[in-house]
Protein backbone atom coordinates (compact mmCIF):
# COMPACT_ATOMS: atom_id res chain seq x y z
CA MET A 1 1.36 20.51 -17.82
CA GLY A 2 1.29 18.53 -14.73
CA LEU A 3 4.89 16.86 -13.48
CA LEU A 4 3.40 13.18 -14.78
CA GLU A 5 2.08 14.23 -18.26
CA GLY A 6 1.83 11.10 -19.87
CA LYS A 7 3.04 8.48 -17.32
CA VAL A 8 1.52 5.23 -16.70
CA ALA A 9 1.23 5.01 -13.01
CA VAL A 10 -0.46 1.65 -11.72
CA VAL A 11 -2.02 2.04 -8.08
CA THR A 12 -3.09 -0.89 -6.27
CA GLY A 13 -6.12 -0.73 -3.40
CA ALA A 14 -7.30 2.15 -5.36
CA GLY A 15 -10.72 2.01 -4.50
CA THR A 16 -10.44 3.47 -0.75
CA GLY A 17 -8.25 5.48 1.62
CA MET A 18 -4.75 6.19 0.30
CA GLY A 19 -5.14 4.53 -2.80
CA ARG A 20 -7.83 6.77 -3.70
CA SER A 21 -6.04 9.81 -2.60
CA THR A 22 -3.05 8.56 -4.20
CA ALA A 23 -4.66 8.11 -7.48
CA ALA A 24 -6.47 11.49 -7.53
CA LEU A 25 -2.90 13.36 -6.90
CA LEU A 26 -1.12 11.33 -9.43
CA ALA A 27 -3.93 11.87 -12.15
CA ALA A 28 -4.04 15.54 -11.35
CA GLU A 29 -0.46 15.98 -12.32
CA GLY A 30 -0.88 14.20 -15.57
CA ALA A 31 -0.68 10.51 -15.13
CA ILE A 32 -2.84 7.89 -16.79
CA VAL A 33 -3.69 6.33 -13.82
CA VAL A 34 -4.50 2.55 -13.62
CA LEU A 35 -6.96 1.91 -10.58
CA VAL A 36 -6.37 -1.75 -9.32
CA GLY A 37 -8.32 -3.67 -6.86
CA ARG A 38 -10.72 -6.16 -6.25
CA ARG A 39 -14.10 -4.79 -6.38
CA SER A 40 -15.02 -3.12 -9.91
CA GLU A 41 -18.03 -0.74 -8.94
CA VAL A 42 -15.80 0.97 -6.27
CA LEU A 43 -13.07 1.39 -8.52
CA ASP A 44 -15.58 2.64 -11.16
CA ASP A 45 -16.32 5.27 -8.71
CA VAL A 46 -12.76 6.52 -8.28
CA ALA A 47 -12.60 6.52 -11.85
CA SER A 48 -15.83 8.89 -12.55
CA ALA A 49 -14.13 11.55 -9.70
CA ILE A 50 -11.03 11.72 -11.53
CA THR A 51 -12.26 12.08 -14.95
CA ALA A 52 -14.95 14.62 -13.82
CA ASP A 53 -11.76 16.33 -12.56
CA GLY A 54 -10.05 16.44 -16.15
CA GLY A 55 -7.91 13.20 -15.38
CA ARG A 56 -7.47 10.15 -16.89
CA ALA A 57 -8.09 6.78 -15.02
CA VAL A 58 -8.90 3.28 -16.08
CA VAL A 59 -10.06 0.46 -13.86
CA ARG A 60 -8.63 -3.08 -13.75
CA ALA A 61 -9.98 -5.50 -11.62
CA ALA A 62 -7.60 -8.22 -10.35
CA ASP A 63 -6.33 -10.71 -7.48
CA ILE A 64 -2.80 -9.00 -7.05
CA SER A 65 -1.73 -12.15 -4.96
CA SER A 66 -2.35 -14.51 -8.01
CA LYS A 67 0.43 -14.44 -10.46
CA THR A 68 -2.23 -15.29 -13.27
CA ASP A 69 -3.85 -12.08 -12.64
CA VAL A 70 -0.87 -9.50 -12.34
CA ASP A 71 1.03 -11.23 -15.18
CA ALA A 72 -2.28 -10.13 -17.34
CA LEU A 73 -2.99 -7.00 -15.44
CA ILE A 74 0.73 -5.64 -16.59
CA GLU A 75 0.35 -7.37 -20.22
CA ASP A 76 -3.02 -5.36 -20.74
CA VAL A 77 -1.63 -1.98 -19.56
CA ARG A 78 1.17 -2.53 -21.50
CA THR A 79 -0.60 -3.31 -24.78
CA SER A 80 -3.45 -0.83 -24.21
CA LEU A 81 -1.60 2.21 -22.46
CA GLY A 82 2.17 1.66 -22.54
CA PRO A 83 4.82 0.29 -20.14
CA VAL A 84 4.31 1.06 -16.38
CA ASP A 85 6.21 4.11 -15.43
CA ILE A 86 5.04 4.30 -11.63
CA LEU A 87 3.92 1.22 -9.46
CA VAL A 88 2.28 2.13 -6.05
CA ASN A 89 2.01 -0.77 -4.05
CA ASN A 90 -0.64 0.13 -1.49
CA ALA A 91 -2.85 -2.48 -1.16
CA GLY A 92 -2.88 -3.51 2.32
CA SER A 93 -4.70 -6.20 4.70
CA ALA A 94 -4.33 -6.82 8.54
CA SER A 95 -5.67 -9.92 10.28
CA LYS A 96 -8.57 -10.37 12.83
CA VAL A 97 -6.23 -12.29 14.97
CA LEU A 98 -3.14 -10.63 16.39
CA ASN A 99 -1.42 -12.77 18.78
CA VAL A 100 0.76 -15.18 16.98
CA ARG A 101 -0.41 -17.55 19.51
CA TRP A 102 -3.63 -17.96 18.40
CA ILE A 103 -3.57 -16.81 14.37
CA SER A 104 -4.55 -19.30 12.20
CA GLN A 105 -2.10 -20.23 8.95
CA GLU A 106 -4.66 -19.71 6.97
CA GLU A 107 -4.95 -16.09 8.17
CA TRP A 108 -1.60 -15.67 8.59
CA ASN A 109 -0.76 -16.42 4.69
CA GLU A 110 -3.68 -13.96 3.70
CA VAL A 111 -2.25 -10.98 5.09
CA LEU A 112 1.24 -11.72 3.65
CA ASP A 113 -0.23 -12.54 0.54
CA VAL A 114 -1.69 -8.92 0.08
CA ASN A 115 1.24 -7.02 1.85
CA LEU A 116 4.32 -9.06 0.64
CA ASN A 117 3.84 -11.76 -2.17
CA ALA A 118 1.72 -9.61 -4.36
CA VAL A 119 4.30 -6.65 -4.08
CA TYR A 120 6.91 -9.47 -5.39
CA LEU A 121 4.69 -10.57 -8.27
CA LEU A 122 3.88 -6.99 -9.47
CA THR A 123 7.49 -5.54 -9.06
CA GLN A 124 8.64 -8.77 -11.24
CA ALA A 125 5.96 -8.10 -13.79
CA VAL A 126 6.93 -4.14 -14.38
CA LEU A 127 10.42 -4.58 -14.01
CA PRO A 128 11.77 -5.72 -17.04
CA ASP A 129 10.37 -2.76 -18.72
CA MET A 130 11.64 -0.28 -16.32
CA LEU A 131 14.98 -1.77 -16.63
CA SER A 132 15.07 -1.75 -20.26
CA ARG A 133 14.54 2.09 -20.42
CA ASN A 134 16.85 3.02 -17.62
CA THR A 135 13.92 4.56 -15.90
CA GLY A 136 10.87 3.64 -13.38
CA THR A 137 9.67 4.36 -10.12
CA ILE A 138 8.30 1.83 -7.59
CA ILE A 139 6.66 2.98 -4.20
CA THR A 140 5.41 0.77 -1.47
CA VAL A 141 3.29 1.80 1.46
CA SER A 142 4.95 -0.14 4.21
CA SER A 143 3.99 0.69 7.87
CA LEU A 144 5.73 1.69 11.16
CA ALA A 145 4.76 -1.47 12.23
CA ALA A 146 7.84 -2.86 10.23
CA VAL A 147 10.28 -0.71 12.83
CA ASN A 148 8.00 -1.31 15.86
CA PRO A 149 5.68 -4.21 15.71
CA ASN A 150 3.21 -4.97 18.21
CA LEU A 151 -0.20 -6.54 19.39
CA LEU A 152 -2.00 -3.50 17.78
CA GLY A 153 -1.22 -4.41 14.38
CA GLY A 154 -0.62 -8.12 14.84
CA ALA A 155 2.08 -10.20 14.50
CA ALA A 156 1.65 -11.21 10.79
CA TYR A 157 1.14 -7.53 9.54
CA GLY A 158 4.28 -6.39 10.95
CA ALA A 159 6.12 -9.37 9.65
CA ALA A 160 4.90 -8.77 6.02
CA LYS A 161 5.45 -4.92 6.36
CA ALA A 162 8.94 -5.68 7.64
CA ALA A 163 9.70 -7.92 4.94
CA VAL A 164 8.27 -5.61 2.25
CA ARG A 165 10.43 -2.90 3.91
CA ASN A 166 13.67 -5.24 3.34
CA PHE A 167 12.57 -6.12 -0.42
CA MET A 168 12.45 -2.35 -1.46
CA THR A 169 15.62 -1.93 0.17
CA TYR A 170 16.93 -4.94 -1.94
CA LEU A 171 15.68 -3.21 -5.03
CA HIS A 172 17.08 -0.24 -4.37
CA ASN A 173 20.72 -1.49 -3.75
CA THR A 174 20.35 -3.88 -6.72
CA PHE A 175 19.13 -1.91 -9.22
CA ARG A 176 19.31 1.96 -8.36
CA ASN A 177 22.30 2.50 -11.20
CA GLU A 178 19.70 0.95 -13.72
CA GLY A 179 17.40 3.45 -13.42
CA LEU A 180 15.14 2.22 -10.85
CA ARG A 181 13.79 4.43 -8.04
CA ALA A 182 12.66 2.05 -5.13
CA VAL A 183 10.87 4.18 -2.44
CA THR A 184 9.56 2.78 0.89
CA ILE A 185 6.69 5.14 2.64
CA LEU A 186 6.23 4.08 6.46
CA PRO A 187 3.09 5.63 7.75
CA GLY A 188 2.14 5.78 11.40
CA GLU A 189 -1.50 5.23 12.63
CA THR A 190 -3.44 6.17 9.69
CA ALA A 191 -7.24 6.75 9.75
CA THR A 192 -8.00 3.88 7.12
CA PRO A 193 -10.59 1.10 6.51
CA ILE A 194 -8.24 -1.16 7.58
CA LEU A 195 -8.59 0.09 11.38
CA ASP A 196 -12.20 -1.39 11.33
CA ASN A 197 -10.24 -5.18 11.71
CA ARG A 198 -8.77 -3.94 14.88
CA ALA A 199 -9.47 -5.79 18.12
CA ARG A 200 -11.07 -2.12 19.05
CA PRO A 201 -11.37 -0.07 16.27
CA PRO A 202 -10.70 3.33 17.12
CA HIS A 203 -13.20 6.07 17.85
CA ALA A 204 -13.75 8.96 15.07
CA GLU A 205 -12.11 11.43 17.31
CA GLU A 206 -9.33 9.03 17.89
CA ARG A 207 -9.02 8.72 13.69
CA ASP A 208 -9.38 12.64 13.38
CA ALA A 209 -5.83 13.04 15.38
CA MET A 210 -4.13 10.50 13.05
CA VAL A 211 -2.73 10.31 9.51
CA GLN A 212 -4.89 11.01 7.15
CA PRO A 213 -5.34 9.14 3.81
CA GLU A 214 -4.53 12.11 1.97
CA ASP A 215 -1.48 12.85 4.20
CA VAL A 216 -0.02 9.58 2.94
CA ALA A 217 -1.01 10.38 -1.03
CA ARG A 218 0.84 13.96 -0.56
CA ALA A 219 4.05 11.77 0.66
CA ILE A 220 3.56 9.18 -2.43
CA HIS A 221 2.89 12.67 -4.87
CA LEU A 222 6.50 14.15 -3.55
CA VAL A 223 8.76 10.80 -4.12
CA ALA A 224 7.03 10.20 -7.51
CA THR A 225 7.42 13.78 -8.78
CA LEU A 226 10.92 14.07 -7.87
CA PRO A 227 13.60 14.31 -10.73
CA GLN A 228 14.59 11.19 -12.12
CA ARG A 229 17.96 11.81 -10.98
CA THR A 230 16.56 12.00 -7.31
CA VAL A 231 15.21 9.26 -5.23
CA VAL A 232 13.87 9.39 -1.29
CA GLN A 233 14.59 5.92 -0.47
CA GLU A 234 12.49 5.83 2.89
CA LEU A 235 10.03 7.99 4.17
CA ILE A 236 7.99 8.27 7.63
CA ILE A 237 5.19 9.99 7.96
CA ALA A 238 3.30 9.57 11.96
CA PRO A 239 0.68 11.60 14.03
CA THR A 240 2.67 14.70 15.73
CA VAL A 241 0.43 13.43 18.99
CA GLN A 242 1.40 9.84 20.04
CA ARG A 243 -1.83 8.28 21.78
CA ASP A 244 -1.78 5.89 24.26
CA THR A 245 -2.92 2.35 22.85
CA SER A 246 -1.88 0.23 26.20
CA GLY A 247 -5.46 -0.72 26.09
CA ASP A 248 -6.05 -1.64 22.82
CA ILE A 249 -3.06 -3.75 23.05
CA GLU A 250 -4.22 -5.52 26.06
CA ILE A 251 -7.44 -6.35 24.34
CA SER A 252 -5.83 -7.49 21.18
CA ARG A 253 -3.84 -10.03 23.09
CA TRP A 254 -6.31 -11.89 23.84
CA THR A 255 -8.84 -11.88 20.69
CA GLY A 256 -8.94 -15.10 18.87
CA ALA A 257 -7.90 -16.77 22.44
CA PRO A 258 -9.80 -19.89 23.08
CA ALA A 259 -11.95 -19.58 25.81
CA GLY A 260 -10.07 -21.57 28.46
CA GLU A 261 -7.25 -19.49 27.55
CA VAL A 262 -8.64 -15.61 28.33
CA PRO A 263 -8.48 -14.44 31.85
CA GLN A 264 -11.22 -13.62 33.93
CA ARG A 265 -11.88 -9.98 34.60
């Protein structure tokens, strides 16, 4: 019997990267995994792989920045599978324009919607059941950009990841005595598709030296499978070797700038 036998786990951004790896590990421990994302066809592929390995997974396509979609999602899970035991807020988004001088309000809001507002909406939706049963785990993937923000991740991404870290600490301080475990995972550079948004997407050999999606998934697996009496409030997972990102940061400084603002080389 797995450590999560019969538990209901919702994983956002489950179609690729850290979400896909996390869903597979939780399912291997016996959890019924609800795969959440925008693209059903990608989620179906993940569900098929989990099922082939003997696990249980269901697909639920939703816009997690929409309160209507989130409330409908959690109600559907409650009705069909039972109350949510584990929520993994993994979905993430970064802007194309990284310098706060140039980023549009629309792009800024899009990043905050996925990285912060969706976490608030999902938490609010699952919280009543967790508190009424005096048990539940909410795990949010933040970023080391919350601690050391710069032009690599961008202004909007760093602000959102810092805010969501603060929000998770709020949950920990407010509800821990009611059985809620609120956990923040802080990955350093991780080789996921979000890197393709960078002003200079890292080369394959650079990505190979980064934290891999399965590494973060193992961290999430650890905090999810600890006994209810124990919580890891924060967990940092970073590459052993720190690469030189100074060139990338300089490129990022001018991405999206008006033509007259870009210095001549």
